[in-house]
N, C-alpha and C. Protein backbone atom coordinates (compact mmCIF):
# COMPACT_ATOMS: atom_id res chain seq x y z
N MET A 1 -22.62 1.75 34.65
CA MET A 1 -23.81 2.41 35.22
C MET A 1 -24.42 3.40 34.22
N LEU A 2 -23.55 4.26 33.64
CA LEU A 2 -24.05 5.22 32.67
C LEU A 2 -24.58 4.52 31.42
N ARG A 3 -23.90 3.43 31.06
CA ARG A 3 -24.37 2.68 29.88
C ARG A 3 -25.74 2.09 30.11
N ASP A 4 -25.99 1.55 31.32
CA ASP A 4 -27.30 0.98 31.62
C ASP A 4 -28.38 2.06 31.60
N GLU A 5 -28.06 3.22 32.15
CA GLU A 5 -29.05 4.31 32.14
C GLU A 5 -29.33 4.77 30.72
N ARG A 6 -28.29 4.82 29.88
CA ARG A 6 -28.50 5.21 28.48
C ARG A 6 -29.36 4.19 27.76
N ASN A 7 -29.12 2.91 28.01
CA ASN A 7 -29.95 1.87 27.37
C ASN A 7 -31.39 1.95 27.83
N ALA A 8 -31.58 2.23 29.11
CA ALA A 8 -32.95 2.37 29.62
C ALA A 8 -33.66 3.54 28.97
N GLN A 9 -32.95 4.66 28.77
CA GLN A 9 -33.56 5.81 28.11
C GLN A 9 -33.90 5.49 26.66
N ILE A 10 -33.03 4.73 26.01
CA ILE A 10 -33.31 4.36 24.62
C ILE A 10 -34.57 3.50 24.54
N PHE A 11 -34.69 2.53 25.45
CA PHE A 11 -35.88 1.67 25.44
C PHE A 11 -37.13 2.47 25.76
N LEU A 12 -37.03 3.43 26.67
CA LEU A 12 -38.18 4.28 27.00
C LEU A 12 -38.60 5.10 25.79
N CYS A 13 -37.63 5.67 25.10
CA CYS A 13 -37.95 6.44 23.90
C CYS A 13 -38.56 5.55 22.83
N LEU A 14 -38.02 4.32 22.71
CA LEU A 14 -38.57 3.38 21.75
C LEU A 14 -40.01 3.03 22.07
N GLY A 15 -40.28 2.77 23.34
CA GLY A 15 -41.65 2.45 23.74
C GLY A 15 -42.59 3.62 23.53
N GLU A 16 -42.12 4.85 23.81
CA GLU A 16 -42.96 6.03 23.62
C GLU A 16 -43.26 6.26 22.16
N ASN A 17 -42.24 6.10 21.29
CA ASN A 17 -42.45 6.31 19.85
C ASN A 17 -43.40 5.26 19.28
N ARG A 18 -43.24 4.00 19.69
CA ARG A 18 -44.12 2.94 19.18
C ARG A 18 -45.54 3.14 19.68
N ARG A 19 -45.68 3.64 20.90
CA ARG A 19 -47.03 3.89 21.43
C ARG A 19 -47.72 5.00 20.66
N HIS A 20 -46.98 6.09 20.37
CA HIS A 20 -47.57 7.19 19.61
C HIS A 20 -47.91 6.75 18.19
N LYS A 21 -47.06 5.91 17.60
CA LYS A 21 -47.35 5.40 16.26
C LYS A 21 -48.60 4.54 16.28
N LEU A 22 -48.75 3.71 17.32
CA LEU A 22 -49.93 2.88 17.44
C LEU A 22 -51.18 3.73 17.65
N GLU A 23 -51.05 4.81 18.44
CA GLU A 23 -52.18 5.70 18.66
C GLU A 23 -52.61 6.38 17.35
N ASN A 24 -51.63 6.79 16.54
CA ASN A 24 -51.96 7.41 15.26
C ASN A 24 -52.65 6.42 14.33
N ASP A 25 -52.18 5.16 14.33
CA ASP A 25 -52.83 4.13 13.50
C ASP A 25 -54.25 3.87 13.96
N ILE A 26 -54.44 3.82 15.30
CA ILE A 26 -55.79 3.60 15.84
C ILE A 26 -56.70 4.75 15.45
N ASN A 27 -56.16 5.98 15.51
CA ASN A 27 -56.96 7.16 15.17
C ASN A 27 -57.43 7.10 13.72
N ALA A 28 -56.53 6.75 12.81
CA ALA A 28 -56.88 6.69 11.39
C ALA A 28 -57.89 5.58 11.12
N HIS A 29 -57.66 4.39 11.69
CA HIS A 29 -58.58 3.27 11.46
C HIS A 29 -59.92 3.51 12.14
N SER A 30 -59.92 4.15 13.30
CA SER A 30 -61.17 4.37 14.03
C SER A 30 -62.07 5.34 13.29
N GLN A 31 -61.47 6.36 12.63
CA GLN A 31 -62.28 7.30 11.87
C GLN A 31 -62.96 6.60 10.71
N GLU A 32 -62.22 5.74 9.99
CA GLU A 32 -62.82 4.98 8.89
C GLU A 32 -63.88 4.02 9.39
N TRP A 33 -63.60 3.34 10.50
CA TRP A 33 -64.58 2.40 11.06
C TRP A 33 -65.81 3.14 11.57
N LEU A 34 -65.60 4.34 12.15
CA LEU A 34 -66.71 5.13 12.66
C LEU A 34 -67.65 5.51 11.53
N PHE A 35 -67.10 5.91 10.38
CA PHE A 35 -67.92 6.26 9.23
C PHE A 35 -68.71 5.06 8.74
N GLN A 36 -68.09 3.88 8.71
CA GLN A 36 -68.78 2.68 8.26
C GLN A 36 -69.92 2.30 9.19
N VAL A 37 -69.71 2.46 10.50
CA VAL A 37 -70.77 2.13 11.45
C VAL A 37 -71.94 3.08 11.31
N ILE A 38 -71.64 4.39 11.12
CA ILE A 38 -72.71 5.37 10.94
C ILE A 38 -73.54 5.04 9.71
N CYS A 39 -72.86 4.68 8.62
CA CYS A 39 -73.59 4.29 7.41
C CYS A 39 -74.42 3.04 7.65
N TRP A 40 -73.88 2.09 8.41
CA TRP A 40 -74.62 0.86 8.68
C TRP A 40 -75.89 1.14 9.47
N ILE A 41 -75.79 2.04 10.46
CA ILE A 41 -76.96 2.39 11.26
C ILE A 41 -78.00 3.10 10.40
N ALA A 42 -77.54 4.00 9.54
CA ALA A 42 -78.47 4.76 8.71
C ALA A 42 -79.19 3.87 7.70
N LEU A 43 -78.54 2.77 7.29
CA LEU A 43 -79.11 1.90 6.26
C LEU A 43 -79.77 0.64 6.82
N SER A 44 -79.96 0.58 8.15
CA SER A 44 -80.56 -0.62 8.73
C SER A 44 -81.71 -0.30 9.66
N PRO A 45 -82.76 0.35 9.18
CA PRO A 45 -83.91 0.66 10.05
C PRO A 45 -84.74 -0.56 10.39
N ILE A 46 -84.59 -1.66 9.62
CA ILE A 46 -85.41 -2.84 9.88
C ILE A 46 -85.08 -3.43 11.24
N GLN A 47 -83.80 -3.45 11.56
CA GLN A 47 -83.39 -4.04 12.84
C GLN A 47 -83.97 -3.25 14.01
N ILE A 48 -83.95 -1.91 13.92
CA ILE A 48 -84.49 -1.09 15.00
C ILE A 48 -85.99 -1.28 15.11
N SER A 49 -86.70 -1.37 13.96
CA SER A 49 -88.14 -1.54 14.03
C SER A 49 -88.51 -2.89 14.63
N ASP A 50 -87.68 -3.91 14.42
CA ASP A 50 -87.95 -5.21 15.02
C ASP A 50 -87.89 -5.13 16.54
N VAL A 51 -86.92 -4.37 17.06
CA VAL A 51 -86.81 -4.24 18.51
C VAL A 51 -87.97 -3.45 19.06
N ASP A 52 -88.38 -2.40 18.34
CA ASP A 52 -89.49 -1.58 18.82
C ASP A 52 -90.78 -2.39 18.88
N SER A 53 -90.98 -3.34 17.97
CA SER A 53 -92.21 -4.12 17.97
C SER A 53 -92.31 -5.04 19.18
N THR A 54 -91.18 -5.40 19.78
CA THR A 54 -91.20 -6.27 20.95
C THR A 54 -91.31 -5.47 22.25
N ARG A 55 -91.17 -4.16 22.17
CA ARG A 55 -91.26 -3.32 23.35
C ARG A 55 -92.27 -2.22 23.07
N PRO A 56 -93.54 -2.41 23.44
CA PRO A 56 -94.60 -1.47 23.10
C PRO A 56 -94.48 -0.18 23.89
N MET A 57 -93.82 0.83 23.31
CA MET A 57 -93.75 2.15 23.93
C MET A 57 -93.52 3.17 22.83
N SER A 58 -93.82 4.43 23.11
CA SER A 58 -93.70 5.47 22.12
C SER A 58 -92.24 5.76 21.83
N ARG A 59 -92.02 6.46 20.71
CA ARG A 59 -90.65 6.79 20.32
C ARG A 59 -89.99 7.68 21.37
N VAL A 60 -90.73 8.63 21.94
CA VAL A 60 -90.16 9.53 22.95
C VAL A 60 -89.74 8.74 24.18
N ARG A 61 -90.58 7.82 24.62
CA ARG A 61 -90.25 7.01 25.80
C ARG A 61 -89.12 6.04 25.50
N GLN A 62 -88.90 5.73 24.23
CA GLN A 62 -87.77 4.88 23.85
C GLN A 62 -86.47 5.67 23.85
N ILE A 63 -86.55 6.96 23.48
CA ILE A 63 -85.35 7.78 23.39
C ILE A 63 -84.80 8.12 24.76
N VAL A 64 -85.68 8.32 25.74
CA VAL A 64 -85.23 8.73 27.08
C VAL A 64 -84.26 7.71 27.69
N PRO A 65 -84.58 6.41 27.73
CA PRO A 65 -83.60 5.45 28.26
C PRO A 65 -82.30 5.43 27.46
N ASP A 66 -82.41 5.61 26.12
CA ASP A 66 -81.20 5.65 25.31
C ASP A 66 -80.31 6.83 25.71
N ALA A 67 -80.95 7.99 25.90
CA ALA A 67 -80.20 9.19 26.27
C ALA A 67 -79.53 9.03 27.63
N ILE A 68 -80.26 8.48 28.58
CA ILE A 68 -79.69 8.28 29.91
C ILE A 68 -78.57 7.25 29.86
N GLY A 69 -78.73 6.23 29.02
CA GLY A 69 -77.67 5.24 28.86
C GLY A 69 -76.40 5.87 28.27
N ILE A 70 -76.57 6.75 27.28
CA ILE A 70 -75.41 7.42 26.69
C ILE A 70 -74.76 8.36 27.70
N ILE A 71 -75.59 9.06 28.50
CA ILE A 71 -75.04 9.95 29.54
C ILE A 71 -74.25 9.13 30.56
N SER A 72 -74.79 7.97 30.93
CA SER A 72 -74.07 7.09 31.85
C SER A 72 -72.75 6.63 31.24
N LEU A 73 -72.79 6.33 29.95
CA LEU A 73 -71.57 5.92 29.25
C LEU A 73 -70.54 7.04 29.25
N ALA A 74 -71.00 8.28 29.06
CA ALA A 74 -70.09 9.42 29.07
C ALA A 74 -69.44 9.59 30.44
N GLY A 75 -70.24 9.41 31.50
CA GLY A 75 -69.67 9.51 32.84
C GLY A 75 -68.64 8.44 33.12
N LEU A 76 -68.93 7.22 32.72
CA LEU A 76 -67.97 6.13 32.92
C LEU A 76 -66.71 6.34 32.09
N ALA A 77 -66.89 6.85 30.86
CA ALA A 77 -65.73 7.13 30.01
C ALA A 77 -64.86 8.23 30.61
N THR A 78 -65.49 9.18 31.30
CA THR A 78 -64.73 10.23 31.97
C THR A 78 -63.88 9.67 33.10
N LEU A 79 -64.41 8.69 33.83
CA LEU A 79 -63.62 8.05 34.88
C LEU A 79 -62.41 7.31 34.29
N VAL A 80 -62.62 6.66 33.15
CA VAL A 80 -61.50 5.98 32.49
C VAL A 80 -60.47 7.01 32.02
N ALA A 81 -60.94 8.14 31.48
CA ALA A 81 -60.02 9.18 31.04
C ALA A 81 -59.22 9.73 32.21
N TRP A 82 -59.85 9.84 33.36
CA TRP A 82 -59.13 10.29 34.56
C TRP A 82 -58.02 9.31 34.92
N ALA A 83 -58.29 8.01 34.80
CA ALA A 83 -57.27 7.00 35.07
C ALA A 83 -56.14 7.08 34.05
N VAL A 84 -56.48 7.36 32.78
CA VAL A 84 -55.46 7.51 31.75
C VAL A 84 -54.57 8.72 32.05
N ALA A 85 -55.19 9.82 32.52
CA ALA A 85 -54.42 11.01 32.86
C ALA A 85 -53.48 10.74 34.02
N ALA A 86 -53.91 9.93 34.97
CA ALA A 86 -53.06 9.61 36.12
C ALA A 86 -51.90 8.70 35.71
N LEU A 87 -52.13 7.85 34.71
CA LEU A 87 -51.10 6.90 34.29
C LEU A 87 -50.18 7.49 33.23
N TYR A 88 -50.73 8.35 32.36
CA TYR A 88 -49.94 8.94 31.28
C TYR A 88 -49.96 10.47 31.41
N THR A 89 -50.63 11.15 30.48
CA THR A 89 -50.70 12.60 30.53
C THR A 89 -52.14 13.05 30.28
N LYS A 90 -52.41 14.33 30.55
CA LYS A 90 -53.74 14.87 30.30
C LYS A 90 -54.07 14.88 28.82
N GLU A 91 -53.07 15.11 28.00
CA GLU A 91 -53.30 15.09 26.54
C GLU A 91 -53.73 13.71 26.09
N ASP A 92 -53.10 12.68 26.63
CA ASP A 92 -53.50 11.32 26.29
C ASP A 92 -54.93 11.03 26.75
N ALA A 93 -55.29 11.55 27.92
CA ALA A 93 -56.65 11.35 28.44
C ALA A 93 -57.68 12.02 27.55
N ILE A 94 -57.38 13.25 27.11
CA ILE A 94 -58.32 13.97 26.23
C ILE A 94 -58.46 13.24 24.91
N TRP A 95 -57.33 12.77 24.37
CA TRP A 95 -57.36 12.02 23.11
C TRP A 95 -58.17 10.74 23.27
N ALA A 96 -57.95 10.04 24.38
CA ALA A 96 -58.65 8.77 24.61
C ALA A 96 -60.15 9.00 24.72
N TRP A 97 -60.57 10.06 25.42
CA TRP A 97 -62.01 10.33 25.58
C TRP A 97 -62.61 10.78 24.25
N ALA A 98 -61.92 11.66 23.54
CA ALA A 98 -62.47 12.22 22.31
C ALA A 98 -62.66 11.15 21.24
N ILE A 99 -61.77 10.16 21.20
CA ILE A 99 -61.89 9.09 20.22
C ILE A 99 -62.72 7.93 20.77
N GLY A 100 -62.47 7.58 22.02
CA GLY A 100 -63.13 6.40 22.59
C GLY A 100 -64.61 6.56 22.83
N PHE A 101 -65.04 7.71 23.34
CA PHE A 101 -66.45 7.86 23.68
C PHE A 101 -67.37 7.80 22.46
N PRO A 102 -67.10 8.53 21.36
CA PRO A 102 -67.99 8.39 20.20
C PRO A 102 -68.06 6.97 19.66
N ILE A 103 -66.92 6.28 19.63
CA ILE A 103 -66.92 4.90 19.15
C ILE A 103 -67.76 4.02 20.07
N MET A 104 -67.57 4.15 21.38
CA MET A 104 -68.34 3.34 22.33
C MET A 104 -69.82 3.69 22.28
N ALA A 105 -70.15 4.97 22.06
CA ALA A 105 -71.56 5.37 21.99
C ALA A 105 -72.25 4.72 20.79
N ILE A 106 -71.59 4.71 19.65
CA ILE A 106 -72.18 4.08 18.46
C ILE A 106 -72.27 2.57 18.65
N CYS A 107 -71.20 1.97 19.20
CA CYS A 107 -71.24 0.53 19.46
C CYS A 107 -72.34 0.19 20.46
N ALA A 108 -72.54 1.06 21.44
CA ALA A 108 -73.58 0.82 22.44
C ALA A 108 -74.97 0.83 21.79
N LEU A 109 -75.25 1.82 20.94
CA LEU A 109 -76.56 1.88 20.29
C LEU A 109 -76.78 0.68 19.38
N VAL A 110 -75.73 0.28 18.68
CA VAL A 110 -75.85 -0.90 17.81
C VAL A 110 -76.11 -2.15 18.65
N ALA A 111 -75.38 -2.29 19.75
CA ALA A 111 -75.53 -3.48 20.60
C ALA A 111 -76.88 -3.48 21.31
N TRP A 112 -77.30 -2.33 21.82
CA TRP A 112 -78.56 -2.28 22.57
C TRP A 112 -79.76 -2.60 21.70
N TYR A 113 -79.69 -2.26 20.41
CA TYR A 113 -80.82 -2.52 19.52
C TYR A 113 -80.71 -3.87 18.81
N ASP A 114 -79.64 -4.58 19.09
CA ASP A 114 -79.52 -5.93 18.53
C ASP A 114 -80.46 -6.87 19.26
N ARG A 115 -81.13 -7.73 18.50
CA ARG A 115 -82.10 -8.65 19.11
C ARG A 115 -81.45 -9.67 20.04
N ARG A 116 -80.13 -9.86 19.89
CA ARG A 116 -79.42 -10.80 20.77
C ARG A 116 -79.02 -10.17 22.09
N TRP A 117 -79.16 -8.85 22.22
CA TRP A 117 -78.79 -8.18 23.46
C TRP A 117 -79.81 -8.52 24.54
N PRO A 118 -79.38 -8.94 25.72
CA PRO A 118 -80.34 -9.31 26.78
C PRO A 118 -81.15 -8.11 27.24
N SER A 119 -82.42 -8.36 27.51
CA SER A 119 -83.32 -7.29 27.95
C SER A 119 -83.33 -7.13 29.46
N ASP A 120 -82.90 -8.15 30.19
CA ASP A 120 -82.86 -8.08 31.65
C ASP A 120 -81.63 -7.28 32.09
N SER A 121 -81.86 -6.27 32.93
CA SER A 121 -80.77 -5.42 33.38
C SER A 121 -79.75 -6.19 34.22
N GLN A 122 -80.21 -7.19 34.96
CA GLN A 122 -79.27 -7.97 35.77
C GLN A 122 -78.33 -8.80 34.91
N ASP A 123 -78.85 -9.34 33.81
CA ASP A 123 -77.99 -10.09 32.90
C ASP A 123 -76.94 -9.19 32.26
N VAL A 124 -77.37 -7.99 31.85
CA VAL A 124 -76.44 -7.05 31.24
C VAL A 124 -75.37 -6.63 32.25
N LEU A 125 -75.80 -6.38 33.48
CA LEU A 125 -74.85 -6.00 34.53
C LEU A 125 -73.85 -7.12 34.79
N LEU A 126 -74.32 -8.36 34.78
CA LEU A 126 -73.45 -9.50 35.01
C LEU A 126 -72.39 -9.61 33.91
N TYR A 127 -72.81 -9.42 32.66
CA TYR A 127 -71.86 -9.47 31.56
C TYR A 127 -70.79 -8.39 31.70
N GLY A 128 -71.23 -7.21 32.12
CA GLY A 128 -70.27 -6.12 32.30
C GLY A 128 -69.28 -6.39 33.40
N LEU A 129 -69.74 -6.96 34.51
CA LEU A 129 -68.85 -7.26 35.62
C LEU A 129 -67.88 -8.39 35.28
N VAL A 130 -68.36 -9.38 34.52
CA VAL A 130 -67.49 -10.49 34.14
C VAL A 130 -66.38 -10.02 33.20
N SER A 131 -66.68 -9.01 32.38
CA SER A 131 -65.67 -8.53 31.44
C SER A 131 -64.49 -7.84 32.14
N ILE A 132 -64.67 -7.41 33.39
CA ILE A 132 -63.58 -6.72 34.10
C ILE A 132 -62.42 -7.68 34.38
N PRO A 133 -62.66 -8.84 35.04
CA PRO A 133 -61.52 -9.76 35.23
C PRO A 133 -60.98 -10.32 33.93
N VAL A 134 -61.84 -10.49 32.91
CA VAL A 134 -61.35 -10.95 31.61
C VAL A 134 -60.38 -9.93 31.02
N GLY A 135 -60.74 -8.66 31.12
CA GLY A 135 -59.84 -7.62 30.65
C GLY A 135 -58.57 -7.55 31.47
N GLY A 136 -58.69 -7.82 32.79
CA GLY A 136 -57.50 -7.84 33.64
C GLY A 136 -56.53 -8.94 33.24
N ILE A 137 -57.07 -10.10 32.91
CA ILE A 137 -56.22 -11.20 32.46
C ILE A 137 -55.53 -10.84 31.14
N SER A 138 -56.29 -10.24 30.23
CA SER A 138 -55.71 -9.84 28.95
C SER A 138 -54.62 -8.79 29.15
N LEU A 139 -54.83 -7.86 30.08
CA LEU A 139 -53.82 -6.84 30.37
C LEU A 139 -52.56 -7.46 30.96
N ALA A 140 -52.74 -8.45 31.84
CA ALA A 140 -51.58 -9.14 32.43
C ALA A 140 -50.77 -9.85 31.36
N ILE A 141 -51.47 -10.45 30.39
CA ILE A 141 -50.76 -11.12 29.29
C ILE A 141 -49.99 -10.10 28.45
N ASP A 142 -50.62 -8.93 28.21
CA ASP A 142 -49.92 -7.88 27.47
C ASP A 142 -48.65 -7.45 28.19
N PHE A 143 -48.73 -7.32 29.50
CA PHE A 143 -47.56 -6.89 30.27
C PHE A 143 -46.48 -7.95 30.24
N LEU A 144 -46.85 -9.21 30.37
CA LEU A 144 -45.85 -10.28 30.37
C LEU A 144 -45.13 -10.35 29.02
N ILE A 145 -45.89 -10.23 27.94
CA ILE A 145 -45.27 -10.28 26.62
C ILE A 145 -44.40 -9.05 26.38
N GLY A 146 -44.94 -7.87 26.71
CA GLY A 146 -44.19 -6.64 26.50
C GLY A 146 -42.93 -6.57 27.36
N SER A 147 -43.03 -6.97 28.62
CA SER A 147 -41.87 -6.92 29.51
C SER A 147 -40.82 -7.96 29.14
N SER A 148 -41.26 -9.08 28.54
CA SER A 148 -40.29 -10.08 28.10
C SER A 148 -39.49 -9.59 26.90
N MET A 149 -40.13 -8.76 26.06
CA MET A 149 -39.44 -8.21 24.90
C MET A 149 -38.59 -7.01 25.27
N TYR A 150 -39.11 -6.18 26.19
CA TYR A 150 -38.40 -4.98 26.62
C TYR A 150 -38.43 -4.92 28.15
N PRO A 151 -37.55 -5.64 28.82
CA PRO A 151 -37.59 -5.70 30.28
C PRO A 151 -37.29 -4.37 30.96
N GLN A 152 -36.67 -3.42 30.25
CA GLN A 152 -36.36 -2.14 30.87
C GLN A 152 -37.56 -1.21 30.94
N LEU A 153 -38.59 -1.51 30.16
CA LEU A 153 -39.75 -0.62 30.11
C LEU A 153 -40.63 -0.78 31.35
N PRO A 154 -41.17 0.31 31.87
CA PRO A 154 -42.12 0.20 32.98
C PRO A 154 -43.46 -0.34 32.49
N PHE A 155 -44.35 -0.60 33.42
CA PHE A 155 -45.62 -1.23 33.11
C PHE A 155 -46.42 -0.44 32.08
N ARG A 156 -46.50 0.86 32.24
CA ARG A 156 -47.38 1.67 31.38
C ARG A 156 -46.91 1.69 29.93
N TYR A 157 -45.63 1.40 29.68
CA TYR A 157 -45.13 1.33 28.32
C TYR A 157 -45.01 -0.11 27.81
N ALA A 158 -44.75 -1.03 28.70
CA ALA A 158 -44.59 -2.43 28.29
C ALA A 158 -45.87 -3.02 27.73
N ILE A 159 -47.03 -2.58 28.23
CA ILE A 159 -48.30 -3.14 27.76
C ILE A 159 -48.59 -2.80 26.31
N TRP A 160 -47.91 -1.77 25.78
CA TRP A 160 -48.12 -1.38 24.39
C TRP A 160 -47.24 -2.17 23.42
N GLU A 161 -46.38 -3.03 23.93
CA GLU A 161 -45.43 -3.73 23.09
C GLU A 161 -45.81 -5.19 22.83
N ALA A 162 -47.03 -5.58 23.25
CA ALA A 162 -47.45 -6.97 23.08
C ALA A 162 -47.80 -7.30 21.64
N GLY A 163 -48.10 -6.31 20.84
CA GLY A 163 -48.45 -6.55 19.44
C GLY A 163 -49.93 -6.67 19.24
N SER A 164 -50.33 -6.70 17.98
CA SER A 164 -51.73 -6.72 17.61
C SER A 164 -51.97 -7.91 16.68
N PRO A 165 -53.17 -8.49 16.56
CA PRO A 165 -54.42 -8.06 17.16
C PRO A 165 -54.62 -8.54 18.59
N PHE A 166 -53.80 -9.47 19.06
CA PHE A 166 -53.99 -10.00 20.41
C PHE A 166 -53.10 -9.23 21.38
N GLY A 167 -53.27 -7.95 21.41
CA GLY A 167 -52.47 -7.09 22.26
C GLY A 167 -53.34 -6.12 23.02
N ILE A 168 -52.83 -4.92 23.20
CA ILE A 168 -53.52 -3.92 24.00
C ILE A 168 -54.84 -3.52 23.37
N ILE A 169 -54.95 -3.62 22.02
CA ILE A 169 -56.21 -3.26 21.36
C ILE A 169 -57.32 -4.20 21.80
N LEU A 170 -57.03 -5.48 21.85
CA LEU A 170 -58.02 -6.45 22.32
C LEU A 170 -58.40 -6.18 23.77
N THR A 171 -57.42 -5.85 24.58
CA THR A 171 -57.69 -5.55 25.99
C THR A 171 -58.60 -4.34 26.12
N ILE A 172 -58.34 -3.29 25.35
CA ILE A 172 -59.16 -2.09 25.41
C ILE A 172 -60.58 -2.38 24.96
N CYS A 173 -60.72 -3.23 23.94
CA CYS A 173 -62.07 -3.58 23.46
C CYS A 173 -62.85 -4.33 24.53
N ILE A 174 -62.17 -5.19 25.28
CA ILE A 174 -62.85 -5.95 26.34
C ILE A 174 -63.16 -5.05 27.52
N CYS A 175 -62.13 -4.42 28.04
CA CYS A 175 -62.27 -3.52 29.19
C CYS A 175 -61.26 -2.40 29.02
N PRO A 176 -61.74 -1.17 28.89
CA PRO A 176 -63.06 -0.67 29.30
C PRO A 176 -64.14 -0.69 28.23
N GLY A 177 -63.84 -1.05 26.97
CA GLY A 177 -64.82 -0.92 25.91
C GLY A 177 -66.14 -1.62 26.18
N TYR A 178 -66.11 -2.95 26.16
CA TYR A 178 -67.34 -3.71 26.38
C TYR A 178 -67.90 -3.49 27.79
N THR A 179 -67.01 -3.31 28.75
CA THR A 179 -67.46 -3.13 30.14
C THR A 179 -68.35 -1.89 30.26
N LEU A 180 -67.92 -0.77 29.70
CA LEU A 180 -68.70 0.47 29.81
C LEU A 180 -70.00 0.38 29.03
N VAL A 181 -69.96 -0.27 27.86
CA VAL A 181 -71.19 -0.45 27.08
C VAL A 181 -72.20 -1.28 27.87
N ALA A 182 -71.72 -2.32 28.54
CA ALA A 182 -72.61 -3.20 29.30
C ALA A 182 -73.14 -2.51 30.55
N LEU A 183 -72.29 -1.80 31.27
CA LEU A 183 -72.74 -1.14 32.50
C LEU A 183 -73.75 -0.03 32.20
N SER A 184 -73.48 0.77 31.19
CA SER A 184 -74.46 1.79 30.81
C SER A 184 -75.70 1.15 30.21
N GLY A 185 -75.53 0.01 29.52
CA GLY A 185 -76.68 -0.71 29.00
C GLY A 185 -77.56 -1.28 30.09
N ALA A 186 -76.96 -1.62 31.23
CA ALA A 186 -77.76 -2.10 32.37
C ALA A 186 -78.67 -0.99 32.89
N VAL A 187 -78.14 0.23 32.94
CA VAL A 187 -78.97 1.37 33.36
C VAL A 187 -80.11 1.58 32.38
N ARG A 188 -79.81 1.51 31.11
CA ARG A 188 -80.85 1.67 30.08
C ARG A 188 -81.90 0.57 30.18
N SER A 189 -81.45 -0.68 30.35
CA SER A 189 -82.40 -1.80 30.44
C SER A 189 -83.31 -1.66 31.66
N LEU A 190 -82.76 -1.15 32.75
CA LEU A 190 -83.57 -0.95 33.95
C LEU A 190 -84.67 0.08 33.71
N LEU A 191 -84.33 1.16 33.01
CA LEU A 191 -85.33 2.18 32.70
C LEU A 191 -86.36 1.65 31.71
N LEU A 192 -85.93 0.86 30.73
CA LEU A 192 -86.88 0.27 29.78
C LEU A 192 -87.85 -0.66 30.48
N THR A 193 -87.35 -1.44 31.43
CA THR A 193 -88.22 -2.37 32.17
C THR A 193 -89.25 -1.60 32.98
N LYS A 194 -88.82 -0.52 33.62
CA LYS A 194 -89.76 0.28 34.41
C LYS A 194 -90.82 0.93 33.53
N ASP A 195 -90.40 1.45 32.36
CA ASP A 195 -91.36 2.07 31.45
C ASP A 195 -92.35 1.05 30.90
N THR A 196 -91.88 -0.15 30.60
CA THR A 196 -92.76 -1.19 30.09
C THR A 196 -93.77 -1.62 31.15
N ASP A 197 -93.31 -1.77 32.39
CA ASP A 197 -94.21 -2.16 33.48
C ASP A 197 -95.25 -1.08 33.77
N SER A 198 -94.84 0.18 33.70
CA SER A 198 -95.78 1.27 33.97
C SER A 198 -96.78 1.44 32.85
N ALA A 199 -96.41 1.01 31.63
CA ALA A 199 -97.32 1.15 30.49
C ALA A 199 -98.40 0.07 30.48
N ARG A 200 -98.22 -0.97 31.26
CA ARG A 200 -99.20 -2.06 31.27
C ARG A 200 -100.40 -1.69 32.15
């Protein structure tokens, strides 16, 4: 009995250490990737001007939907951080929000100004809703792989043991990453449609 409890504690410590190591690796890579994305945005004004030419409105009226979309993204990211705090700790939730929200905000602006991004708010909303069950399936796969390798670990630690790139990182990119970008993008697209209709 004592031996089983000791083994369980060892596996828990192992899962916690590997999770913190993975978080540190994500933090280091995300900062480098964040810098590269900022440089890409600063050096690609042609793409933004192409989108503006298809939507006849002033720069101020273009910024307002973007700002509201980012605010919506911040609110949704806060809900995700609250779920992280309930599942792990408040420190993990603060870390997740502080790193995740800026990355998602930049990805959102890049995606929203991409010519391939749908302009219809219903299409954007549909993509966001579809990504939720896709992310759920990916999370279930992470749990099955992690629990098969470390059966003593609980769910919240087993999902971090599936490995990368087809592990928890992919799941996070799908949901909540893409999901929040799409849902906040639906709000932005709705405002853009209303502004375009009122300008006619």
